[in-house]
Amino acid sequence: MSGSSCVLSTTGLCFSYGGRRIVEDVNLELHGGTLTALVGPNGAGKSTLLHLLEGRLKPSDGSINSNKPIGLMPQRAAIDWSFPITAQDMVRLGMPGKGNTTSENDCNQLLERVGMGAMGSRRLSQLSGGQQQRILLARALMQQTDILLLDEPCSAIDPPTREHLLKVMRDQADAGQTLLVSSHDWGSALDSYDHVVVMDGQILANGSPKTVREKLSDLTCMMGSTCCG
């Protein structure tokens, strides 16, 4: 990342809710055209941090600095999949300010990219969990933002779908978009990222996959063996 410039940074970022500190003194930098994993156990504050960065939540303390547009792919569980629209409608609605005026061709191209080219006319309720994840990613890509935050995009999906989504994310980073991807599962995908941030309320480790992997034994003691996948 030494050759890329910082496009988003936080200084002493904190967030409290109900008297409990959820995000504690987070200092983070994202660099242009990189794919960063944000990993940690459930309840580590990963989703809260993404919502702070995107602007849906206001920090209790600290600052966020960026002059780039930021998009967010929410968790699948946050979406009402019984809503009576098609997969193509879902992707089309991802472009702020355009809504249903977004061209059918744009939607179809994105559906093809995420391996859902034949599913555009299906209702959301007819899609499997993995297909829903692909639709959410296509919808997030429709926003065409410089920075994209992805909340658990590979959660509870089969390995082939996970590999496909990782490839799409890697292609986006190679094209210049900056991606921060949250996950509670280390798995075997750690080395698929340029950078890894380990979080449990505060940042426990931050660096290259190799650097973070060298700290895994200590982090296992702090976070539990499940974090090591």
Protein backbone atom coordinates (compact mmCIF):
# COMPACT_ATOMS: atom_id res chain seq x y z
CA MET A 1 0.00 0.00 0.00
CA SER A 2 2.99 2.28 0.13
CA GLY A 3 2.29 3.65 -3.33
CA SER A 4 -1.38 4.50 -2.74
CA SER A 5 -2.73 7.57 -1.02
CA CYS A 6 -4.96 7.59 2.05
CA VAL A 7 -8.62 8.12 1.06
CA LEU A 8 -10.21 7.71 4.51
CA SER A 9 -8.85 7.98 8.04
CA THR A 10 -10.19 8.01 11.58
CA THR A 11 -8.63 9.48 14.71
CA GLY A 12 -9.68 8.35 18.19
CA LEU A 13 -13.05 7.20 16.86
CA CYS A 14 -15.48 6.14 19.60
CA PHE A 15 -19.15 5.20 19.78
CA SER A 16 -21.25 4.49 22.86
CA TYR A 17 -24.80 3.20 23.13
CA GLY A 18 -26.85 2.64 26.25
CA GLY A 19 -23.89 3.50 28.43
CA ARG A 20 -21.69 0.87 26.76
CA ARG A 21 -18.65 1.72 24.64
CA ILE A 22 -18.99 -0.28 21.40
CA VAL A 23 -16.17 1.32 19.38
CA GLU A 24 -13.12 2.41 21.33
CA ASP A 25 -10.36 4.74 20.11
CA VAL A 26 -10.17 3.44 16.52
CA ASN A 27 -7.36 4.89 14.41
CA LEU A 28 -7.65 3.59 10.88
CA GLU A 29 -6.42 4.42 7.39
CA LEU A 30 -7.79 3.13 4.08
CA HIS A 31 -5.68 3.55 0.98
CA GLY A 32 -6.88 3.91 -2.59
CA GLY A 33 -7.43 0.76 -4.64
CA THR A 34 -6.99 -1.67 -1.74
CA LEU A 35 -9.05 -4.57 -0.40
CA THR A 36 -9.07 -4.59 3.41
CA ALA A 37 -10.60 -7.23 5.70
CA LEU A 38 -12.17 -6.09 8.98
CA VAL A 39 -12.30 -9.24 11.10
CA GLY A 40 -13.39 -10.08 14.61
CA PRO A 41 -15.99 -12.06 16.57
CA ASN A 42 -19.71 -11.34 16.56
CA GLY A 43 -20.40 -8.25 18.66
CA ALA A 44 -16.95 -6.78 18.02
CA GLY A 45 -18.38 -3.49 16.72
CA LYS A 46 -17.59 -4.14 13.06
CA SER A 47 -21.03 -3.18 11.74
CA THR A 48 -21.11 -0.15 14.01
CA LEU A 49 -17.75 0.99 12.65
CA LEU A 50 -18.98 0.63 9.06
CA HIS A 51 -22.09 2.66 9.86
CA LEU A 52 -19.93 5.34 11.46
CA LEU A 53 -17.68 5.52 8.40
CA GLU A 54 -20.65 5.70 6.03
CA GLY A 55 -22.34 8.39 8.10
CA ARG A 56 -25.42 6.55 9.35
CA LEU A 57 -24.18 6.93 12.92
CA LYS A 58 -22.48 9.89 14.56
CA PRO A 59 -19.33 9.30 16.64
CA SER A 60 -19.42 9.86 20.38
CA ASP A 61 -15.85 11.09 20.07
CA GLY A 62 -13.05 11.29 17.52
CA SER A 63 -13.15 12.17 13.84
CA ILE A 64 -13.55 10.69 10.36
CA ASN A 65 -11.72 12.31 7.48
CA SER A 66 -12.54 11.63 3.84
CA ASN A 67 -13.53 13.63 0.79
CA LYS A 68 -14.57 10.60 -1.24
CA PRO A 69 -18.10 9.20 -1.77
CA ILE A 70 -18.76 6.19 0.48
CA GLY A 71 -21.20 3.34 -0.19
CA LEU A 72 -22.40 0.56 2.09
CA MET A 73 -23.57 -3.00 1.48
CA PRO A 74 -25.66 -3.93 4.56
CA GLN A 75 -25.94 -7.37 6.07
CA ARG A 76 -28.39 -9.69 4.33
CA ALA A 77 -30.36 -10.01 7.58
CA ALA A 78 -31.08 -6.28 7.49
CA ILE A 79 -33.12 -6.59 4.26
CA ASP A 80 -36.80 -7.57 3.97
CA TRP A 81 -36.56 -10.23 1.27
CA SER A 82 -40.36 -10.61 1.13
CA PHE A 83 -40.62 -7.20 -0.54
CA PRO A 84 -42.42 -7.84 -3.87
CA ILE A 85 -39.75 -6.70 -6.33
CA THR A 86 -37.39 -8.52 -8.68
CA ALA A 87 -33.65 -8.97 -8.36
CA GLN A 88 -33.17 -6.47 -11.18
CA ASP A 89 -35.34 -3.92 -9.33
CA MET A 90 -33.18 -4.40 -6.23
CA VAL A 91 -30.01 -3.67 -8.16
CA ARG A 92 -31.56 -0.71 -9.99
CA LEU A 93 -32.55 0.90 -6.70
CA GLY A 94 -28.91 0.88 -5.60
CA MET A 95 -28.10 4.05 -7.51
CA PRO A 96 -28.96 7.05 -5.30
CA GLY A 97 -30.99 9.67 -7.14
CA LYS A 98 -31.66 7.45 -10.15
CA GLY A 99 -33.93 4.73 -8.84
CA ASN A 100 -35.96 3.10 -11.60
CA THR A 101 -34.47 5.41 -14.25
CA THR A 102 -31.22 3.43 -14.16
CA SER A 103 -30.91 1.59 -17.46
CA GLU A 104 -31.82 -2.07 -17.72
CA ASN A 105 -28.50 -2.62 -19.44
CA ASP A 106 -26.56 -1.30 -16.42
CA CYS A 107 -28.41 -3.68 -14.13
CA ASN A 108 -27.94 -6.67 -16.42
CA GLN A 109 -24.20 -6.02 -16.70
CA LEU A 110 -23.83 -6.02 -12.92
CA LEU A 111 -26.00 -9.11 -12.56
CA GLU A 112 -23.70 -10.87 -15.03
CA ARG A 113 -20.62 -9.79 -13.07
CA VAL A 114 -21.88 -11.37 -9.87
CA GLY A 115 -23.04 -14.55 -11.60
CA MET A 116 -26.75 -13.69 -11.51
CA GLY A 117 -27.37 -12.88 -15.16
CA ALA A 118 -30.21 -15.37 -15.51
CA MET A 119 -31.92 -14.37 -12.26
CA GLY A 120 -32.88 -10.75 -12.89
CA SER A 121 -36.60 -11.42 -13.25
CA ARG A 122 -36.87 -13.53 -10.09
CA ARG A 123 -38.59 -12.16 -7.01
CA LEU A 124 -36.37 -11.56 -3.99
CA SER A 125 -38.23 -14.24 -2.04
CA GLN A 126 -37.27 -16.83 -4.68
CA LEU A 127 -33.54 -16.35 -4.18
CA SER A 128 -31.26 -18.50 -2.04
CA GLY A 129 -29.02 -16.97 0.62
CA GLY A 130 -26.00 -16.99 -1.67
CA GLN A 131 -28.01 -15.45 -4.50
CA GLN A 132 -29.25 -12.73 -2.16
CA GLN A 133 -25.63 -11.92 -1.21
CA ARG A 134 -24.75 -11.54 -4.89
CA ILE A 135 -27.71 -9.23 -5.45
CA LEU A 136 -26.67 -7.05 -2.50
CA LEU A 137 -23.14 -6.80 -3.90
CA ALA A 138 -24.43 -5.84 -7.35
CA ARG A 139 -26.67 -3.23 -5.72
CA ALA A 140 -23.70 -1.81 -3.80
CA LEU A 141 -21.58 -1.69 -6.95
CA MET A 142 -24.36 0.25 -8.68
CA GLN A 143 -23.60 3.15 -6.32
CA GLN A 144 -20.24 3.65 -8.08
CA THR A 145 -18.61 5.16 -4.99
CA ASP A 146 -14.86 5.58 -4.50
CA ILE A 147 -15.05 3.73 -1.16
CA LEU A 148 -17.27 0.70 -0.59
CA LEU A 149 -17.98 -0.83 2.83
CA LEU A 150 -19.26 -4.42 2.77
CA ASP A 151 -20.90 -5.85 5.89
CA GLU A 152 -20.48 -9.64 6.09
CA PRO A 153 -20.81 -10.22 2.30
CA CYS A 154 -19.50 -13.80 2.58
CA SER A 155 -21.48 -14.87 5.64
CA ALA A 156 -23.28 -18.24 5.54
CA ILE A 157 -22.65 -18.93 1.85
CA ASP A 158 -21.04 -21.86 0.06
CA PRO A 159 -17.31 -21.82 -0.84
CA PRO A 160 -17.82 -21.37 -4.64
CA THR A 161 -20.03 -18.32 -4.06
CA ARG A 162 -17.53 -16.95 -1.55
CA GLU A 163 -14.71 -17.33 -4.06
CA HIS A 164 -16.77 -15.61 -6.74
CA LEU A 165 -17.60 -12.65 -4.51
CA LEU A 166 -13.95 -12.32 -3.46
CA LYS A 167 -12.94 -12.22 -7.13
CA VAL A 168 -15.48 -9.47 -7.86
CA MET A 169 -14.17 -7.49 -4.88
CA ARG A 170 -10.57 -8.00 -5.98
CA ASP A 171 -11.44 -6.79 -9.49
CA GLN A 172 -13.00 -3.65 -8.00
CA ALA A 173 -9.88 -2.91 -5.97
CA ASP A 174 -7.66 -3.51 -8.99
CA ALA A 175 -9.81 -0.98 -10.88
CA GLY A 176 -9.16 1.64 -8.18
CA GLN A 177 -12.08 1.30 -5.76
CA THR A 178 -11.27 1.06 -2.05
CA LEU A 179 -13.09 -1.74 -0.21
CA LEU A 180 -13.42 -2.52 3.52
CA VAL A 181 -14.99 -5.94 4.08
CA SER A 182 -16.20 -7.07 7.51
CA SER A 183 -16.22 -10.72 8.56
CA HIS A 184 -16.30 -12.80 11.74
CA ASP A 185 -14.67 -15.75 9.98
CA TRP A 186 -10.95 -15.85 9.24
CA GLY A 187 -11.24 -18.97 7.15
CA SER A 188 -8.70 -19.50 4.40
CA ALA A 189 -9.45 -16.16 2.75
CA LEU A 190 -7.12 -14.05 4.90
CA ASP A 191 -4.45 -13.94 2.23
CA SER A 192 -6.99 -12.76 -0.36
CA TYR A 193 -6.79 -9.26 1.12
CA ASP A 194 -4.16 -6.55 0.86
CA HIS A 195 -4.63 -5.51 4.46
CA VAL A 196 -6.23 -6.97 7.59
CA VAL A 197 -7.68 -5.12 10.59
CA VAL A 198 -8.59 -7.21 13.65
CA MET A 199 -11.20 -5.62 15.88
CA ASP A 200 -12.89 -6.40 19.16
CA GLY A 201 -14.27 -3.05 20.27
CA GLN A 202 -10.84 -1.59 19.59
CA ILE A 203 -8.24 -2.47 16.98
CA LEU A 204 -6.11 -5.42 18.14
CA ALA A 205 -3.98 -5.84 15.02
CA ASN A 206 -3.54 -3.91 11.81
CA GLY A 207 -1.27 -4.76 8.90
CA SER A 208 -0.55 -7.12 6.04
CA PRO A 209 -1.99 -10.66 6.17
CA LYS A 210 1.48 -11.96 6.98
CA THR A 211 1.96 -9.49 9.82
CA VAL A 212 -1.44 -10.25 11.32
CA ARG A 213 -1.06 -14.00 10.90
CA GLU A 214 2.11 -13.84 13.00
CA LYS A 215 0.02 -12.48 15.87
CA LEU A 216 -2.71 -15.12 15.69
CA SER A 217 -1.60 -17.05 18.76
CA ASP A 218 -1.91 -13.95 20.94
CA LEU A 219 -5.22 -12.95 19.34
CA THR A 220 -6.64 -16.42 19.93
CA CYS A 221 -6.17 -15.90 23.65
CA MET A 222 -7.91 -12.53 23.47
CA MET A 223 -10.75 -13.38 21.08
CA GLY A 224 -11.29 -17.14 21.27
CA SER A 225 -10.16 -19.91 18.96
CA THR A 226 -13.01 -19.33 16.48
CA CYS A 227 -11.31 -16.24 15.13
CA CYS A 228 -8.55 -18.32 13.63
CA GLY A 229 -10.90 -20.25 11.32
